[in-house]
Every structure is written in structure tokens, then in C-alpha cells.
Amino acid sequence: MATENEVPAWTATDIGQLKPLTTQKAGATKIAKALNRTPGAKTVKAHMHMLDVSLSTRG
């Protein structure tokens, strides 16, 4: 379990939720809220998995 200053680890379930959201072209903010992450964290993870993700924060 993560403490206040620690970042929670990405799980296979998190990645499984990220993939469909990126294919739906949901914005960074919408995806981040759905995954309880920051927009930057989800963008980095999406690029690590070679997912086409919108960098827009207006979603």
C-alpha cells in the first residue's frame, strides 16, 4: 500500500482499463480521473505501452 508520498504501482488491471480509454480518444483529464492518476502519469504509462493517447487535458 502506498503512503502519502508514494506513487501506487500500476497493475495489470490499470493497464487493462487504460487501453480502451485511449482507443476512445478520451482526454488526459478524463482518463486520469477514471484511473485515479495524474494526467502526466497516465500519459507516460500509455507511451510506455505504445498506446496512441491524446495529450489534451480538456477531456
C-alpha atoms as a PDB file:
ATOM      1  CA  MET A   1       0.000   0.000   0.000  1.00  0.00           C
ATOM      2  CA  ALA A   2       1.328   3.423  -0.921  1.00  0.00           C
ATOM      3  CA  THR A   3       1.921   6.074   1.686  1.00  0.00           C
ATOM      4  CA  GLU A   4       1.026   9.716   1.133  1.00  0.00           C
ATOM      5  CA  ASN A   5       4.200  10.486  -0.854  1.00  0.00           C
ATOM      6  CA  GLU A   6       4.463   7.193  -2.719  1.00  0.00           C
ATOM      7  CA  VAL A   7       3.019   6.595  -6.134  1.00  0.00           C
ATOM      8  CA  PRO A   8       0.842   3.484  -6.347  1.00  0.00           C
ATOM      9  CA  ALA A   9       2.198   0.827  -8.691  1.00  0.00           C
ATOM     10  CA  TRP A  10       0.415   0.222 -11.985  1.00  0.00           C
ATOM     11  CA  THR A  11      -1.353  -3.123 -12.039  1.00  0.00           C
ATOM     12  CA  ALA A  12      -2.408  -5.276 -14.974  1.00  0.00           C
ATOM     13  CA  THR A  13      -5.982  -4.154 -14.250  1.00  0.00           C
ATOM     14  CA  ASP A  14      -4.931  -0.491 -14.526  1.00  0.00           C
ATOM     15  CA  ILE A  15      -3.325  -1.164 -17.902  1.00  0.00           C
ATOM     16  CA  GLY A  16      -6.422  -3.069 -18.982  1.00  0.00           C
ATOM     17  CA  GLN A  17      -8.557  -0.032 -18.136  1.00  0.00           C
ATOM     18  CA  LEU A  18      -6.133   2.383 -19.815  1.00  0.00           C
ATOM     19  CA  LYS A  19      -6.148   0.693 -23.223  1.00  0.00           C
ATOM     20  CA  PRO A  20      -9.866   1.103 -24.060  1.00  0.00           C
ATOM     21  CA  LEU A  21      -9.877   4.693 -22.809  1.00  0.00           C
ATOM     22  CA  THR A  22      -7.021   5.579 -25.156  1.00  0.00           C
ATOM     23  CA  THR A  23      -8.743   3.970 -28.138  1.00  0.00           C
ATOM     24  CA  GLN A  24     -11.872   6.012 -27.346  1.00  0.00           C
ATOM     25  CA  LYS A  25      -9.658   9.135 -27.586  1.00  0.00           C
ATOM     26  CA  ALA A  26     -10.720  10.276 -24.120  1.00  0.00           C
ATOM     27  CA  GLY A  27      -8.769  13.306 -22.938  1.00  0.00           C
ATOM     28  CA  ALA A  28      -5.939  13.149 -20.422  1.00  0.00           C
ATOM     29  CA  THR A  29      -8.025  14.506 -17.557  1.00  0.00           C
ATOM     30  CA  LYS A  30     -10.915  12.102 -18.141  1.00  0.00           C
ATOM     31  CA  ILE A  31      -8.587   9.100 -18.277  1.00  0.00           C
ATOM     32  CA  ALA A  32      -6.651  10.275 -15.223  1.00  0.00           C
ATOM     33  CA  LYS A  33      -9.837  10.645 -13.180  1.00  0.00           C
ATOM     34  CA  ALA A  34     -11.084   7.222 -14.271  1.00  0.00           C
ATOM     35  CA  LEU A  35      -7.815   5.626 -13.145  1.00  0.00           C
ATOM     36  CA  ASN A  36      -7.302   7.839 -10.084  1.00  0.00           C
ATOM     37  CA  ARG A  37      -3.965   9.049 -11.514  1.00  0.00           C
ATOM     38  CA  THR A  38      -2.489  12.336 -12.638  1.00  0.00           C
ATOM     39  CA  PRO A  39      -2.715  13.227 -16.344  1.00  0.00           C
ATOM     40  CA  GLY A  40       1.088  13.052 -16.576  1.00  0.00           C
ATOM     41  CA  ALA A  41       1.267   9.582 -15.042  1.00  0.00           C
ATOM     42  CA  LYS A  42      -1.255   8.105 -17.433  1.00  0.00           C
ATOM     43  CA  THR A  43       0.428   9.763 -20.427  1.00  0.00           C
ATOM     44  CA  VAL A  44       3.810   8.281 -19.524  1.00  0.00           C
ATOM     45  CA  LYS A  45       2.319   4.825 -18.977  1.00  0.00           C
ATOM     46  CA  ALA A  46       0.360   4.981 -22.231  1.00  0.00           C
ATOM     47  CA  HIS A  47       3.506   5.873 -24.163  1.00  0.00           C
ATOM     48  CA  MET A  48       5.415   3.065 -22.448  1.00  0.00           C
ATOM     49  CA  HIS A  49       2.815   0.655 -23.807  1.00  0.00           C
ATOM     50  CA  MET A  50       2.862   2.339 -27.235  1.00  0.00           C
ATOM     51  CA  LEU A  51      -0.759   3.455 -26.972  1.00  0.00           C
ATOM     52  CA  ASP A  52      -1.954   6.410 -29.004  1.00  0.00           C
ATOM     53  CA  VAL A  53      -3.125   8.817 -26.353  1.00  0.00           C
ATOM     54  CA  SER A  54      -4.448  12.339 -26.530  1.00  0.00           C
ATOM     55  CA  LEU A  55      -2.369  14.836 -24.592  1.00  0.00           C
ATOM     56  CA  SER A  56      -5.359  17.140 -24.331  1.00  0.00           C
ATOM     57  CA  THR A  57      -6.389  17.950 -20.788  1.00  0.00           C
ATOM     58  CA  ARG A  58      -9.834  19.070 -21.949  1.00  0.00           C
ATOM     59  CA  GLY A  59     -11.434  15.642 -21.771  1.00  0.00           C
END
